[in-house]
Amino acid sequence: MAYTIDRHPCEDAPRLGAMILQPEPESVPRARRWFRKFIAPYNPACSIEDCALMISELVTNAVCYGASDAPWEVRVEWFREGNALRVEVHNPGLPGNVRLRHPDADDAHGRGLLLVASLADSWHSGSGRQGGTVVSFLVADAWPA
């Protein structure tokens, strides 16, 4: 794991943690484990398990759909925005490829963003600050007022 020290453009949203993951399936359970460990000292009132589940869905998508001709990584960062928790997952893929699907009952895949949309108060996808794609979710009232 590596930590980055670049500043987030929103100075009133302190970054609580970050992790850099390799684009491999083993990174999915690692992301869940590390998030649980590193968010615990902040004592959020929201469900850490729901957040870990959403992170694993977004990391899975990043690993499956991120692409680059050069070696690349998946970056996960989490921030406190007032009483809310915002989590971002970055990869070098194309932002236009992110879409919410409504798979048929017999489809084996395609439910990750649907799950995030149902658990988070909001979610967003777009271009990352350093290029590529960022998909984020927000959990409102993650800390008591």
C-alpha atoms as a PDB file:
ATOM      1  CA  MET A   1       0.000   0.000   0.000  1.00  0.00           C
ATOM      2  CA  ALA A   2       1.175   3.529  -0.720  1.00  0.00           C
ATOM      3  CA  TYR A   3      -0.117   6.840   0.516  1.00  0.00           C
ATOM      4  CA  THR A   4      -0.206   9.923  -1.627  1.00  0.00           C
ATOM      5  CA  ILE A   5       0.304  13.407  -0.227  1.00  0.00           C
ATOM      6  CA  ASP A   6      -1.244  15.508  -2.960  1.00  0.00           C
ATOM      7  CA  ARG A   7      -3.826  18.016  -1.729  1.00  0.00           C
ATOM      8  CA  HIS A   8      -7.456  17.613  -2.573  1.00  0.00           C
ATOM      9  CA  PRO A   9      -8.878  20.704  -4.312  1.00  0.00           C
ATOM     10  CA  CYS A  10     -11.571  21.082  -1.645  1.00  0.00           C
ATOM     11  CA  GLU A  11      -9.643  22.237   1.417  1.00  0.00           C
ATOM     12  CA  ASP A  12     -12.621  22.005   3.759  1.00  0.00           C
ATOM     13  CA  ALA A  13     -12.920  18.261   3.070  1.00  0.00           C
ATOM     14  CA  PRO A  14      -9.998  16.640   4.873  1.00  0.00           C
ATOM     15  CA  ARG A  15      -8.810  13.363   3.418  1.00  0.00           C
ATOM     16  CA  LEU A  16      -9.092  10.693   6.085  1.00  0.00           C
ATOM     17  CA  GLY A  17      -7.296   7.985   4.163  1.00  0.00           C
ATOM     18  CA  ALA A  18      -6.076   6.671   0.848  1.00  0.00           C
ATOM     19  CA  MET A  19      -4.798   3.447  -0.619  1.00  0.00           C
ATOM     20  CA  ILE A  20      -3.152   2.445  -3.869  1.00  0.00           C
ATOM     21  CA  LEU A  21      -4.069  -0.995  -5.184  1.00  0.00           C
ATOM     22  CA  GLN A  22      -2.842  -3.137  -8.034  1.00  0.00           C
ATOM     23  CA  PRO A  23      -5.384  -3.864 -10.793  1.00  0.00           C
ATOM     24  CA  GLU A  24      -5.902  -7.476  -9.740  1.00  0.00           C
ATOM     25  CA  PRO A  25      -8.797  -9.380  -8.165  1.00  0.00           C
ATOM     26  CA  GLU A  26      -6.928  -9.721  -4.837  1.00  0.00           C
ATOM     27  CA  SER A  27      -7.208  -5.944  -4.413  1.00  0.00           C
ATOM     28  CA  VAL A  28     -10.959  -6.169  -3.791  1.00  0.00           C
ATOM     29  CA  PRO A  29     -10.847  -7.917  -0.386  1.00  0.00           C
ATOM     30  CA  ARG A  30      -7.708  -5.925   0.464  1.00  0.00           C
ATOM     31  CA  ALA A  31      -9.611  -2.668  -0.119  1.00  0.00           C
ATOM     32  CA  ARG A  32     -12.418  -3.785   2.207  1.00  0.00           C
ATOM     33  CA  ARG A  33      -9.983  -4.849   4.928  1.00  0.00           C
ATOM     34  CA  TRP A  34      -7.861  -1.677   4.759  1.00  0.00           C
ATOM     35  CA  PHE A  35     -10.872   0.623   4.668  1.00  0.00           C
ATOM     36  CA  ARG A  36     -12.349  -1.016   7.788  1.00  0.00           C
ATOM     37  CA  LYS A  37      -9.014  -0.684   9.569  1.00  0.00           C
ATOM     38  CA  PHE A  38      -8.260   2.907   8.578  1.00  0.00           C
ATOM     39  CA  ILE A  39     -11.763   4.368   9.034  1.00  0.00           C
ATOM     40  CA  ALA A  40     -12.320   2.811  12.483  1.00  0.00           C
ATOM     41  CA  PRO A  41     -10.340   5.471  14.447  1.00  0.00           C
ATOM     42  CA  TYR A  42     -12.699   8.150  13.061  1.00  0.00           C
ATOM     43  CA  ASN A  43     -15.737   6.395  14.613  1.00  0.00           C
ATOM     44  CA  PRO A  44     -18.269   6.979  11.844  1.00  0.00           C
ATOM     45  CA  ALA A  45     -21.918   6.490  12.751  1.00  0.00           C
ATOM     46  CA  CYS A  46     -22.716   5.044   9.322  1.00  0.00           C
ATOM     47  CA  SER A  47     -22.430   1.374   8.450  1.00  0.00           C
ATOM     48  CA  ILE A  48     -18.761   0.600   7.811  1.00  0.00           C
ATOM     49  CA  GLU A  49     -19.863  -2.700   6.270  1.00  0.00           C
ATOM     50  CA  ASP A  50     -22.112  -0.934   3.740  1.00  0.00           C
ATOM     51  CA  CYS A  51     -19.228   1.393   2.844  1.00  0.00           C
ATOM     52  CA  ALA A  52     -16.807  -1.547   2.520  1.00  0.00           C
ATOM     53  CA  LEU A  53     -19.313  -3.300   0.255  1.00  0.00           C
ATOM     54  CA  MET A  54     -19.668  -0.221  -1.974  1.00  0.00           C
ATOM     55  CA  ILE A  55     -15.884   0.161  -2.119  1.00  0.00           C
ATOM     56  CA  SER A  56     -15.490  -3.463  -3.138  1.00  0.00           C
ATOM     57  CA  GLU A  57     -18.019  -2.986  -5.952  1.00  0.00           C
ATOM     58  CA  LEU A  58     -16.234   0.129  -7.229  1.00  0.00           C
ATOM     59  CA  VAL A  59     -12.777  -1.450  -6.940  1.00  0.00           C
ATOM     60  CA  THR A  60     -14.068  -4.502  -8.802  1.00  0.00           C
ATOM     61  CA  ASN A  61     -15.313  -2.227 -11.595  1.00  0.00           C
ATOM     62  CA  ALA A  62     -12.018  -0.310 -11.623  1.00  0.00           C
ATOM     63  CA  VAL A  63     -10.019  -3.545 -11.892  1.00  0.00           C
ATOM     64  CA  CYS A  64     -12.304  -4.965 -14.593  1.00  0.00           C
ATOM     65  CA  TYR A  65     -12.772  -1.826 -16.709  1.00  0.00           C
ATOM     66  CA  GLY A  66      -9.728   0.350 -16.058  1.00  0.00           C
ATOM     67  CA  ALA A  67      -7.302   0.310 -18.939  1.00  0.00           C
ATOM     68  CA  SER A  68      -3.989   1.843 -19.869  1.00  0.00           C
ATOM     69  CA  ASP A  69      -1.081   1.041 -22.165  1.00  0.00           C
ATOM     70  CA  ALA A  70       1.268   1.757 -19.242  1.00  0.00           C
ATOM     71  CA  PRO A  71       1.317   0.054 -15.841  1.00  0.00           C
ATOM     72  CA  TRP A  72      -1.496   1.444 -13.697  1.00  0.00           C
ATOM     73  CA  GLU A  73      -3.068   1.357 -10.259  1.00  0.00           C
ATOM     74  CA  VAL A  74      -6.442   1.832  -8.594  1.00  0.00           C
ATOM     75  CA  ARG A  75      -6.534   4.674  -6.063  1.00  0.00           C
ATOM     76  CA  VAL A  76      -9.144   4.837  -3.286  1.00  0.00           C
ATOM     77  CA  GLU A  77      -9.515   7.957  -1.142  1.00  0.00           C
ATOM     78  CA  TRP A  78     -12.025   8.924   1.530  1.00  0.00           C
ATOM     79  CA  PHE A  79     -12.899  12.351   2.858  1.00  0.00           C
ATOM     80  CA  ARG A  80     -14.978  13.939   5.557  1.00  0.00           C
ATOM     81  CA  GLU A  81     -17.256  16.652   4.167  1.00  0.00           C
ATOM     82  CA  GLY A  82     -18.998  18.167   7.165  1.00  0.00           C
ATOM     83  CA  ASN A  83     -21.002  15.263   8.573  1.00  0.00           C
ATOM     84  CA  ALA A  84     -20.739  13.226   5.356  1.00  0.00           C
ATOM     85  CA  LEU A  85     -18.269  10.613   4.149  1.00  0.00           C
ATOM     86  CA  ARG A  86     -17.209  10.749   0.493  1.00  0.00           C
ATOM     87  CA  VAL A  87     -15.273   7.867  -1.052  1.00  0.00           C
ATOM     88  CA  GLU A  88     -13.582   8.088  -4.461  1.00  0.00           C
ATOM     89  CA  VAL A  89     -12.221   5.233  -6.591  1.00  0.00           C
ATOM     90  CA  HIS A  90      -9.882   6.261  -9.427  1.00  0.00           C
ATOM     91  CA  ASN A  91      -8.691   4.268 -12.449  1.00  0.00           C
ATOM     92  CA  PRO A  92      -7.284   5.113 -15.894  1.00  0.00           C
ATOM     93  CA  GLY A  93     -10.400   4.016 -17.790  1.00  0.00           C
ATOM     94  CA  LEU A  94     -12.706   6.230 -19.822  1.00  0.00           C
ATOM     95  CA  PRO A  95     -15.343   8.141 -17.799  1.00  0.00           C
ATOM     96  CA  GLY A  96     -17.936   7.657 -20.509  1.00  0.00           C
ATOM     97  CA  ASN A  97     -17.876   3.898 -19.927  1.00  0.00           C
ATOM     98  CA  VAL A  98     -19.405   4.204 -16.435  1.00  0.00           C
ATOM     99  CA  ARG A  99     -23.125   3.569 -16.509  1.00  0.00           C
ATOM    100  CA  LEU A 100     -25.830   2.302 -14.221  1.00  0.00           C
ATOM    101  CA  ARG A 101     -27.214  -0.945 -15.581  1.00  0.00           C
ATOM    102  CA  HIS A 102     -30.436  -2.754 -14.823  1.00  0.00           C
ATOM    103  CA  PRO A 103     -29.503  -6.372 -15.510  1.00  0.00           C
ATOM    104  CA  ASP A 104     -31.978  -9.166 -16.015  1.00  0.00           C
ATOM    105  CA  ALA A 105     -32.450 -11.572 -13.112  1.00  0.00           C
ATOM    106  CA  ASP A 106     -30.326 -14.237 -14.819  1.00  0.00           C
ATOM    107  CA  ASP A 107     -27.389 -11.884 -15.602  1.00  0.00           C
ATOM    108  CA  ALA A 108     -24.325 -12.813 -13.546  1.00  0.00           C
ATOM    109  CA  HIS A 109     -22.849  -9.295 -13.574  1.00  0.00           C
ATOM    110  CA  GLY A 110     -23.834  -5.642 -13.782  1.00  0.00           C
ATOM    111  CA  ARG A 111     -25.186  -4.884 -10.319  1.00  0.00           C
ATOM    112  CA  GLY A 112     -22.265  -2.986  -8.760  1.00  0.00           C
ATOM    113  CA  LEU A 113     -23.389   0.568  -9.452  1.00  0.00           C
ATOM    114  CA  LEU A 114     -26.995  -0.390  -8.795  1.00  0.00           C
ATOM    115  CA  LEU A 115     -25.933  -1.563  -5.350  1.00  0.00           C
ATOM    116  CA  VAL A 116     -23.961   1.658  -4.748  1.00  0.00           C
ATOM    117  CA  ALA A 117     -26.931   3.731  -5.885  1.00  0.00           C
ATOM    118  CA  SER A 118     -29.220   1.911  -3.457  1.00  0.00           C
ATOM    119  CA  LEU A 119     -26.900   2.148  -0.409  1.00  0.00           C
ATOM    120  CA  ALA A 120     -25.322   5.593  -0.832  1.00  0.00           C
ATOM    121  CA  ASP A 121     -27.100   8.908  -0.465  1.00  0.00           C
ATOM    122  CA  SER A 122     -25.601   9.879  -3.822  1.00  0.00           C
ATOM    123  CA  TRP A 123     -22.966   8.749  -6.294  1.00  0.00           C
ATOM    124  CA  HIS A 124     -21.100  10.371  -9.170  1.00  0.00           C
ATOM    125  CA  SER A 125     -18.785   9.425 -12.014  1.00  0.00           C
ATOM    126  CA  GLY A 126     -16.609  11.590 -14.204  1.00  0.00           C
ATOM    127  CA  SER A 127     -13.071  12.530 -15.108  1.00  0.00           C
ATOM    128  CA  GLY A 128     -10.508  12.248 -12.333  1.00  0.00           C
ATOM    129  CA  ARG A 129      -8.267  15.097 -11.227  1.00  0.00           C
ATOM    130  CA  GLN A 130      -5.284  13.301 -12.738  1.00  0.00           C
ATOM    131  CA  GLY A 131      -7.129  11.946 -15.772  1.00  0.00           C
ATOM    132  CA  GLY A 132      -8.935   8.655 -16.093  1.00  0.00           C
ATOM    133  CA  THR A 133     -12.166   7.962 -14.255  1.00  0.00           C
ATOM    134  CA  VAL A 134     -13.367   8.637 -10.738  1.00  0.00           C
ATOM    135  CA  VAL A 135     -16.483   7.068  -9.297  1.00  0.00           C
ATOM    136  CA  SER A 136     -17.514   8.338  -5.882  1.00  0.00           C
ATOM    137  CA  PHE A 137     -20.273   7.887  -3.357  1.00  0.00           C
ATOM    138  CA  LEU A 138     -21.487  10.007  -0.467  1.00  0.00           C
ATOM    139  CA  VAL A 139     -22.925   8.814   2.829  1.00  0.00           C
ATOM    140  CA  ALA A 140     -24.723  11.692   4.544  1.00  0.00           C
ATOM    141  CA  ASP A 141     -24.755  11.917   8.341  1.00  0.00           C
ATOM    142  CA  ALA A 142     -21.746   9.607   8.662  1.00  0.00           C
ATOM    143  CA  TRP A 143     -20.893  11.535  11.839  1.00  0.00           C
ATOM    144  CA  PRO A 144     -23.326  13.098  14.304  1.00  0.00           C
ATOM    145  CA  ALA A 145     -23.767  16.840  14.014  1.00  0.00           C
END
